[in-house]
Amino acid sequence: AQARAPLLAQMESDDERRPADAFARMLAALQAQPTWDAVSCQAELVGWPRPGMEQYVAWQNSLLSPEQMAAGRFVEIPALHQTAIFR
């Protein structure tokens, strides 16, 4: 299937988005930057320890600028899809 909406955001049943206005803040950031394809936020793992995932999330959370995200795309996906809004 092909997405028809102007924006795409995904959350799964066990995902949480905090603070309560996080989605609105991300949307405002995306609207303020018309050249951006997406905006994402940092993630926090909950539940049982998973060393590999913990390392990935720490790396992903260290990418704070568009330039860092662009460079990171050759290493791994620089933003968890659950943390992002895409155009």
PDB file of N, CA and C in Angstrom:
ATOM      1  N   ALA A   1       0.838  -1.183   0.000  1.00  0.00           N
ATOM      2  CA  ALA A   1       0.000   0.000   0.000  1.00  0.00           C
ATOM      3  C   ALA A   1       0.878   1.239   0.000  1.00  0.00           C
ATOM      4  N   GLN A   2       0.351   2.296  -0.500  1.00  0.00           N
ATOM      5  CA  GLN A   2       1.086   3.541  -0.588  1.00  0.00           C
ATOM      6  C   GLN A   2       0.448   4.577   0.339  1.00  0.00           C
ATOM      7  N   ALA A   3       1.284   5.269   1.111  1.00  0.00           N
ATOM      8  CA  ALA A   3       0.775   6.305   2.016  1.00  0.00           C
ATOM      9  C   ALA A   3       0.250   7.487   1.206  1.00  0.00           C
ATOM     10  N   ARG A   4      -0.862   8.046   1.636  1.00  0.00           N
ATOM     11  CA  ARG A   4      -1.462   9.186   0.939  1.00  0.00           C
ATOM     12  C   ARG A   4      -1.433  10.457   1.767  1.00  0.00           C
ATOM     13  N   ALA A   5      -1.152  10.334   3.041  1.00  0.00           N
ATOM     14  CA  ALA A   5      -1.159  11.497   3.930  1.00  0.00           C
ATOM     15  C   ALA A   5       0.116  12.314   3.731  1.00  0.00           C
ATOM     16  N   PRO A   6       0.085  13.600   4.035  1.00  0.00           N
ATOM     17  CA  PRO A   6       1.285  14.419   3.882  1.00  0.00           C
ATOM     18  C   PRO A   6       2.371  14.090   4.908  1.00  0.00           C
ATOM     19  N   LEU A   7       1.985  13.471   6.027  1.00  0.00           N
ATOM     20  CA  LEU A   7       2.942  13.105   7.071  1.00  0.00           C
ATOM     21  C   LEU A   7       2.697  11.667   7.501  1.00  0.00           C
ATOM     22  N   LEU A   8       3.764  11.026   7.954  1.00  0.00           N
ATOM     23  CA  LEU A   8       3.656   9.658   8.424  1.00  0.00           C
ATOM     24  C   LEU A   8       4.393   9.547   9.750  1.00  0.00           C
ATOM     25  N   ALA A   9       3.713   9.013  10.752  1.00  0.00           N
ATOM     26  CA  ALA A   9       4.316   8.746  12.060  1.00  0.00           C
ATOM     27  C   ALA A   9       3.818   7.386  12.513  1.00  0.00           C
ATOM     28  N   GLN A  10       4.662   6.636  13.170  1.00  0.00           N
ATOM     29  CA  GLN A  10       4.285   5.292  13.594  1.00  0.00           C
ATOM     30  C   GLN A  10       4.533   5.123  15.074  1.00  0.00           C
ATOM     31  N   MET A  11       3.610   4.474  15.722  1.00  0.00           N
ATOM     32  CA  MET A  11       3.790   4.034  17.098  1.00  0.00           C
ATOM     33  C   MET A  11       3.226   2.633  17.202  1.00  0.00           C
ATOM     34  N   GLU A  12       3.876   1.800  17.975  1.00  0.00           N
ATOM     35  CA  GLU A  12       3.387   0.449  18.213  1.00  0.00           C
ATOM     36  C   GLU A  12       2.697   0.402  19.572  1.00  0.00           C
ATOM     37  N   SER A  13       2.034  -0.674  19.858  1.00  0.00           N
ATOM     38  CA  SER A  13       1.214  -0.756  21.062  1.00  0.00           C
ATOM     39  C   SER A  13       2.019  -0.591  22.350  1.00  0.00           C
ATOM     40  N   ASP A  14       3.296  -0.914  22.328  1.00  0.00           N
ATOM     41  CA  ASP A  14       4.100  -0.784  23.550  1.00  0.00           C
ATOM     42  C   ASP A  14       4.952   0.482  23.570  1.00  0.00           C
ATOM     43  N   ASP A  15       4.755   1.380  22.625  1.00  0.00           N
ATOM     44  CA  ASP A  15       5.513   2.638  22.583  1.00  0.00           C
ATOM     45  C   ASP A  15       4.818   3.708  23.421  1.00  0.00           C
ATOM     46  N   GLU A  16       5.629   4.577  23.975  1.00  0.00           N
ATOM     47  CA  GLU A  16       5.123   5.736  24.707  1.00  0.00           C
ATOM     48  C   GLU A  16       5.800   6.971  24.139  1.00  0.00           C
ATOM     49  N   ARG A  17       5.096   8.070  24.114  1.00  0.00           N
ATOM     50  CA  ARG A  17       5.691   9.317  23.664  1.00  0.00           C
ATOM     51  C   ARG A  17       5.532  10.321  24.800  1.00  0.00           C
ATOM     52  N   ARG A  18       6.657  10.752  25.347  1.00  0.00           N
ATOM     53  CA  ARG A  18       6.643  11.714  26.437  1.00  0.00           C
ATOM     54  C   ARG A  18       7.597  12.843  26.115  1.00  0.00           C
ATOM     55  N   PRO A  19       7.322  14.041  26.549  1.00  0.00           N
ATOM     56  CA  PRO A  19       6.151  14.492  27.303  1.00  0.00           C
ATOM     57  C   PRO A  19       4.902  14.485  26.422  1.00  0.00           C
ATOM     58  N   ALA A  20       3.795  14.836  27.020  1.00  0.00           N
ATOM     59  CA  ALA A  20       2.506  14.746  26.325  1.00  0.00           C
ATOM     60  C   ALA A  20       2.485  15.567  25.037  1.00  0.00           C
ATOM     61  N   ASP A  21       3.237  16.644  24.991  1.00  0.00           N
ATOM     62  CA  ASP A  21       3.239  17.503  23.801  1.00  0.00           C
ATOM     63  C   ASP A  21       4.386  17.180  22.840  1.00  0.00           C
ATOM     64  N   ALA A  22       5.024  16.023  22.997  1.00  0.00           N
ATOM     65  CA  ALA A  22       6.178  15.675  22.156  1.00  0.00           C
ATOM     66  C   ALA A  22       5.814  15.663  20.669  1.00  0.00           C
ATOM     67  N   PHE A  23       4.682  15.071  20.322  1.00  0.00           N
ATOM     68  CA  PHE A  23       4.285  15.012  18.920  1.00  0.00           C
ATOM     69  C   PHE A  23       4.090  16.418  18.365  1.00  0.00           C
ATOM     70  N   ALA A  24       3.434  17.280  19.104  1.00  0.00           N
ATOM     71  CA  ALA A  24       3.200  18.661  18.655  1.00  0.00           C
ATOM     72  C   ALA A  24       4.522  19.409  18.499  1.00  0.00           C
ATOM     73  N   ARG A  25       5.456  19.184  19.394  1.00  0.00           N
ATOM     74  CA  ARG A  25       6.758  19.841  19.302  1.00  0.00           C
ATOM     75  C   ARG A  25       7.542  19.356  18.088  1.00  0.00           C
ATOM     76  N   MET A  26       7.466  18.045  17.830  1.00  0.00           N
ATOM     77  CA  MET A  26       8.143  17.508  16.649  1.00  0.00           C
ATOM     78  C   MET A  26       7.511  18.042  15.372  1.00  0.00           C
ATOM     79  N   LEU A  27       6.195  18.107  15.336  1.00  0.00           N
ATOM     80  CA  LEU A  27       5.499  18.634  14.177  1.00  0.00           C
ATOM     81  C   LEU A  27       5.863  20.100  13.940  1.00  0.00           C
ATOM     82  N   ALA A  28       5.927  20.891  15.002  1.00  0.00           N
ATOM     83  CA  ALA A  28       6.318  22.301  14.869  1.00  0.00           C
ATOM     84  C   ALA A  28       7.742  22.422  14.324  1.00  0.00           C
ATOM     85  N   ALA A  29       8.640  21.573  14.789  1.00  0.00           N
ATOM     86  CA  ALA A  29      10.023  21.600  14.288  1.00  0.00           C
ATOM     87  C   ALA A  29      10.059  21.251  12.809  1.00  0.00           C
ATOM     88  N   LEU A  30       9.297  20.254  12.388  1.00  0.00           N
ATOM     89  CA  LEU A  30       9.258  19.866  10.976  1.00  0.00           C
ATOM     90  C   LEU A  30       8.665  20.979  10.118  1.00  0.00           C
ATOM     91  N   GLN A  31       7.615  21.609  10.590  1.00  0.00           N
ATOM     92  CA  GLN A  31       6.999  22.706   9.837  1.00  0.00           C
ATOM     93  C   GLN A  31       7.916  23.919   9.750  1.00  0.00           C
ATOM     94  N   ALA A  32       8.749  24.128  10.764  1.00  0.00           N
ATOM     95  CA  ALA A  32       9.672  25.264  10.766  1.00  0.00           C
ATOM     96  C   ALA A  32      10.878  25.050   9.843  1.00  0.00           C
ATOM     97  N   GLN A  33      11.085  23.810   9.419  1.00  0.00           N
ATOM     98  CA  GLN A  33      12.231  23.469   8.565  1.00  0.00           C
ATOM     99  C   GLN A  33      11.729  22.812   7.281  1.00  0.00           C
ATOM    100  N   PRO A  34      11.287  23.597   6.306  1.00  0.00           N
ATOM    101  CA  PRO A  34      10.680  23.012   5.106  1.00  0.00           C
ATOM    102  C   PRO A  34      11.630  22.146   4.276  1.00  0.00           C
ATOM    103  N   THR A  35      12.920  22.251   4.479  1.00  0.00           N
ATOM    104  CA  THR A  35      13.859  21.417   3.715  1.00  0.00           C
ATOM    105  C   THR A  35      14.092  20.051   4.357  1.00  0.00           C
ATOM    106  N   TRP A  36      13.626  19.859   5.587  1.00  0.00           N
ATOM    107  CA  TRP A  36      13.807  18.571   6.263  1.00  0.00           C
ATOM    108  C   TRP A  36      12.799  17.560   5.730  1.00  0.00           C
ATOM    109  N   ASP A  37      13.243  16.315   5.599  1.00  0.00           N
ATOM    110  CA  ASP A  37      12.352  15.224   5.199  1.00  0.00           C
ATOM    111  C   ASP A  37      11.663  14.586   6.399  1.00  0.00           C
ATOM    112  N   ALA A  38      12.249  14.762   7.572  1.00  0.00           N
ATOM    113  CA  ALA A  38      11.722  14.111   8.774  1.00  0.00           C
ATOM    114  C   ALA A  38      12.260  14.822  10.005  1.00  0.00           C
ATOM    115  N   VAL A  39      11.675  14.499  11.128  1.00  0.00           N
ATOM    116  CA  VAL A  39      12.166  14.943  12.426  1.00  0.00           C
ATOM    117  C   VAL A  39      12.026  13.750  13.367  1.00  0.00           C
ATOM    118  N   SER A  40      12.978  13.602  14.268  1.00  0.00           N
ATOM    119  CA  SER A  40      12.899  12.500  15.219  1.00  0.00           C
ATOM    120  C   SER A  40      13.305  12.987  16.601  1.00  0.00           C
ATOM    121  N   CYS A  41      13.109  12.134  17.567  1.00  0.00           N
ATOM    122  CA  CYS A  41      13.460  12.485  18.935  1.00  0.00           C
ATOM    123  C   CYS A  41      14.318  11.369  19.530  1.00  0.00           C
ATOM    124  N   GLN A  42      14.857  11.627  20.675  1.00  0.00           N
ATOM    125  CA  GLN A  42      15.648  10.607  21.349  1.00  0.00           C
ATOM    126  C   GLN A  42      14.730   9.526  21.906  1.00  0.00           C
ATOM    127  N   ALA A  43      15.306   8.360  22.152  1.00  0.00           N
ATOM    128  CA  ALA A  43      14.540   7.215  22.643  1.00  0.00           C
ATOM    129  C   ALA A  43      15.088   6.757  23.987  1.00  0.00           C
ATOM    130  N   GLU A  44      14.224   6.114  24.739  1.00  0.00           N
ATOM    131  CA  GLU A  44      14.609   5.501  26.006  1.00  0.00           C
ATOM    132  C   GLU A  44      14.054   4.085  26.014  1.00  0.00           C
ATOM    133  N   LEU A  45      14.914   3.117  26.240  1.00  0.00           N
ATOM    134  CA  LEU A  45      14.463   1.729  26.310  1.00  0.00           C
ATOM    135  C   LEU A  45      13.861   1.436  27.669  1.00  0.00           C
ATOM    136  N   VAL A  46      12.826   0.639  27.668  1.00  0.00           N
ATOM    137  CA  VAL A  46      12.226   0.170  28.916  1.00  0.00           C
ATOM    138  C   VAL A  46      12.107  -1.345  28.826  1.00  0.00           C
ATOM    139  N   GLY A  47      11.955  -1.982  29.952  1.00  0.00           N
ATOM    140  CA  GLY A  47      11.824  -3.431  29.956  1.00  0.00           C
ATOM    141  C   GLY A  47      13.151  -4.112  30.248  1.00  0.00           C
ATOM    142  N   TRP A  48      13.297  -5.308  29.721  1.00  0.00           N
ATOM    143  CA  TRP A  48      14.479  -6.111  30.016  1.00  0.00           C
ATOM    144  C   TRP A  48      15.721  -5.554  29.303  1.00  0.00           C
ATOM    145  N   PRO A  49      16.911  -5.776  29.892  1.00  0.00           N
ATOM    146  CA  PRO A  49      18.151  -5.287  29.279  1.00  0.00           C
ATOM    147  C   PRO A  49      18.451  -6.009  27.961  1.00  0.00           C
ATOM    148  N   ARG A  50      18.820  -5.243  26.970  1.00  0.00           N
ATOM    149  CA  ARG A  50      19.226  -5.768  25.665  1.00  0.00           C
ATOM    150  C   ARG A  50      20.466  -5.005  25.241  1.00  0.00           C
ATOM    151  N   PRO A  51      21.654  -5.517  25.548  1.00  0.00           N
ATOM    152  CA  PRO A  51      22.895  -4.762  25.324  1.00  0.00           C
ATOM    153  C   PRO A  51      23.053  -4.218  23.905  1.00  0.00           C
ATOM    154  N   GLY A  52      22.755  -5.013  22.903  1.00  0.00           N
ATOM    155  CA  GLY A  52      22.900  -4.536  21.525  1.00  0.00           C
ATOM    156  C   GLY A  52      21.976  -3.368  21.232  1.00  0.00           C
ATOM    157  N   MET A  53      20.731  -3.477  21.655  1.00  0.00           N
ATOM    158  CA  MET A  53      19.771  -2.393  21.436  1.00  0.00           C
ATOM    159  C   MET A  53      20.133  -1.177  22.261  1.00  0.00           C
ATOM    160  N   GLU A  54      20.635  -1.390  23.468  1.00  0.00           N
ATOM    161  CA  GLU A  54      21.071  -0.259  24.305  1.00  0.00           C
ATOM    162  C   GLU A  54      22.191   0.513  23.614  1.00  0.00           C
ATOM    163  N   GLN A  55      23.132  -0.184  22.995  1.00  0.00           N
ATOM    164  CA  GLN A  55      24.224   0.472  22.269  1.00  0.00           C
ATOM    165  C   GLN A  55      23.685   1.238  21.067  1.00  0.00           C
ATOM    166  N   TYR A  56      22.740   0.637  20.351  1.00  0.00           N
ATOM    167  CA  TYR A  56      22.154   1.301  19.193  1.00  0.00           C
ATOM    168  C   TYR A  56      21.419   2.573  19.604  1.00  0.00           C
ATOM    169  N   VAL A  57      20.611   2.486  20.651  1.00  0.00           N
ATOM    170  CA  VAL A  57      19.857   3.661  21.102  1.00  0.00           C
ATOM    171  C   VAL A  57      20.804   4.753  21.599  1.00  0.00           C
ATOM    172  N   ALA A  58      21.868   4.392  22.302  1.00  0.00           N
ATOM    173  CA  ALA A  58      22.854   5.386  22.745  1.00  0.00           C
ATOM    174  C   ALA A  58      23.484   6.077  21.541  1.00  0.00           C
ATOM    175  N   TRP A  59      23.818   5.299  20.510  1.00  0.00           N
ATOM    176  CA  TRP A  59      24.385   5.888  19.292  1.00  0.00           C
ATOM    177  C   TRP A  59      23.366   6.797  18.621  1.00  0.00           C
ATOM    178  N   GLN A  60      22.136   6.301  18.459  1.00  0.00           N
ATOM    179  CA  GLN A  60      21.099   7.096  17.809  1.00  0.00           C
ATOM    180  C   GLN A  60      20.852   8.395  18.579  1.00  0.00           C
ATOM    181  N   ASN A  61      20.812   8.324  19.902  1.00  0.00           N
ATOM    182  CA  ASN A  61      20.572   9.514  20.715  1.00  0.00           C
ATOM    183  C   ASN A  61      21.723  10.509  20.652  1.00  0.00           C
ATOM    184  N   SER A  62      22.899  10.076  20.207  1.00  0.00           N
ATOM    185  CA  SER A  62      24.047  10.988  20.100  1.00  0.00           C
ATOM    186  C   SER A  62      24.011  11.804  18.807  1.00  0.00           C
ATOM    187  N   LEU A  63      23.149  11.454  17.871  1.00  0.00           N
ATOM    188  CA  LEU A  63      23.041  12.156  16.593  1.00  0.00           C
ATOM    189  C   LEU A  63      22.040  13.298  16.749  1.00  0.00           C
ATOM    190  N   LEU A  64      22.554  14.509  16.907  1.00  0.00           N
ATOM    191  CA  LEU A  64      21.681  15.631  17.266  1.00  0.00           C
ATOM    192  C   LEU A  64      21.491  16.666  16.165  1.00  0.00           C
ATOM    193  N   SER A  65      22.233  16.571  15.081  1.00  0.00           N
ATOM    194  CA  SER A  65      22.101  17.562  14.018  1.00  0.00           C
ATOM    195  C   SER A  65      21.762  16.859  12.703  1.00  0.00           C
ATOM    196  N   PRO A  66      21.200  17.599  11.760  1.00  0.00           N
ATOM    197  CA  PRO A  66      20.936  16.996  10.449  1.00  0.00           C
ATOM    198  C   PRO A  66      22.213  16.424   9.811  1.00  0.00           C
ATOM    199  N   GLU A  67      23.325  17.097  10.023  1.00  0.00           N
ATOM    200  CA  GLU A  67      24.588  16.620   9.449  1.00  0.00           C
ATOM    201  C   GLU A  67      25.005  15.285  10.064  1.00  0.00           C
ATOM    202  N   GLN A  68      24.844  15.149  11.377  1.00  0.00           N
ATOM    203  CA  GLN A  68      25.173  13.889  12.044  1.00  0.00           C
ATOM    204  C   GLN A  68      24.239  12.775  11.583  1.00  0.00           C
ATOM    205  N   MET A  69      22.971  13.100  11.420  1.00  0.00           N
ATOM    206  CA  MET A  69      22.016  12.101  10.945  1.00  0.00           C
ATOM    207  C   MET A  69      22.370  11.649   9.528  1.00  0.00           C
ATOM    208  N   ALA A  70      22.715  12.606   8.675  1.00  0.00           N
ATOM    209  CA  ALA A  70      23.061  12.263   7.294  1.00  0.00           C
ATOM    210  C   ALA A  70      24.297  11.366   7.251  1.00  0.00           C
ATOM    211  N   ALA A  71      25.303  11.689   8.041  1.00  0.00           N
ATOM    212  CA  ALA A  71      26.512  10.867   8.074  1.00  0.00           C
ATOM    213  C   ALA A  71      26.218   9.492   8.667  1.00  0.00           C
ATOM    214  N   GLY A  72      25.342   9.420   9.641  1.00  0.00           N
ATOM    215  CA  GLY A  72      25.023   8.167  10.299  1.00  0.00           C
ATOM    216  C   GLY A  72      24.278   7.177   9.426  1.00  0.00           C
ATOM    217  N   ARG A  73      23.669   7.657   8.349  1.00  0.00           N
ATOM    218  CA  ARG A  73      22.884   6.750   7.501  1.00  0.00           C
ATOM    219  C   ARG A  73      23.739   5.676   6.843  1.00  0.00           C
ATOM    220  N   PHE A  74      25.062   5.889   6.804  1.00  0.00           N
ATOM    221  CA  PHE A  74      25.940   4.877   6.227  1.00  0.00           C
ATOM    222  C   PHE A  74      26.404   3.858   7.270  1.00  0.00           C
ATOM    223  N   VAL A  75      26.052   4.092   8.521  1.00  0.00           N
ATOM    224  CA  VAL A  75      26.391   3.168   9.604  1.00  0.00           C
ATOM    225  C   VAL A  75      25.197   2.259   9.890  1.00  0.00           C
ATOM    226  N   GLU A  76      24.047   2.881  10.111  1.00  0.00           N
ATOM    227  CA  GLU A  76      22.805   2.179  10.463  1.00  0.00           C
ATOM    228  C   GLU A  76      21.689   3.194  10.286  1.00  0.00           C
ATOM    229  N   ILE A  77      20.465   2.796  10.485  1.00  0.00           N
ATOM    230  CA  ILE A  77      19.352   3.743  10.413  1.00  0.00           C
ATOM    231  C   ILE A  77      19.512   4.718  11.580  1.00  0.00           C
ATOM    232  N   PRO A  78      19.706   6.023  11.312  1.00  0.00           N
ATOM    233  CA  PRO A  78      20.027   6.951  12.396  1.00  0.00           C
ATOM    234  C   PRO A  78      18.864   7.391  13.265  1.00  0.00           C
ATOM    235  N   ALA A  79      17.667   6.908  12.996  1.00  0.00           N
ATOM    236  CA  ALA A  79      16.516   7.241  13.847  1.00  0.00           C
ATOM    237  C   ALA A  79      15.554   6.066  13.838  1.00  0.00           C
ATOM    238  N   LEU A  80      15.173   5.629  15.007  1.00  0.00           N
ATOM    239  CA  LEU A  80      14.139   4.599  15.085  1.00  0.00           C
ATOM    240  C   LEU A  80      12.869   5.119  14.449  1.00  0.00           C
ATOM    241  N   HIS A  81      12.218   4.337  13.628  1.00  0.00           N
ATOM    242  CA  HIS A  81      11.022   4.849  12.954  1.00  0.00           C
ATOM    243  C   HIS A  81       9.922   5.229  13.942  1.00  0.00           C
ATOM    244  N   GLN A  82       9.933   4.632  15.148  1.00  0.00           N
ATOM    245  CA  GLN A  82       8.927   4.998  16.144  1.00  0.00           C
ATOM    246  C   GLN A  82       9.174   6.385  16.736  1.00  0.00           C
ATOM    247  N   THR A  83      10.368   6.959  16.506  1.00  0.00           N
ATOM    248  CA  THR A  83      10.699   8.259  17.073  1.00  0.00           C
ATOM    249  C   THR A  83      10.540   9.384  16.064  1.00  0.00           C
ATOM    250  N   ALA A  84       9.996   9.125  14.899  1.00  0.00           N
ATOM    251  CA  ALA A  84      10.055  10.113  13.809  1.00  0.00           C
ATOM    252  C   ALA A  84       8.699  10.427  13.204  1.00  0.00           C
ATOM    253  N   ILE A  85       8.666  11.582  12.561  1.00  0.00           N
ATOM    254  CA  ILE A  85       7.575  11.989  11.685  1.00  0.00           C
ATOM    255  C   ILE A  85       8.234  12.253  10.330  1.00  0.00           C
ATOM    256  N   PHE A  86       7.693  11.641   9.288  1.00  0.00           N
ATOM    257  CA  PHE A  86       8.247  11.764   7.940  1.00  0.00           C
ATOM    258  C   PHE A  86       7.281  12.523   7.032  1.00  0.00           C
ATOM    259  N   ARG A  87       7.852  13.284   6.094  1.00  0.00           N
ATOM    260  CA  ARG A  87       7.023  13.941   5.064  1.00  0.00           C
ATOM    261  C   ARG A  87       6.720  12.929   3.977  1.00  0.00           C
TER     262      ARG A  87
END
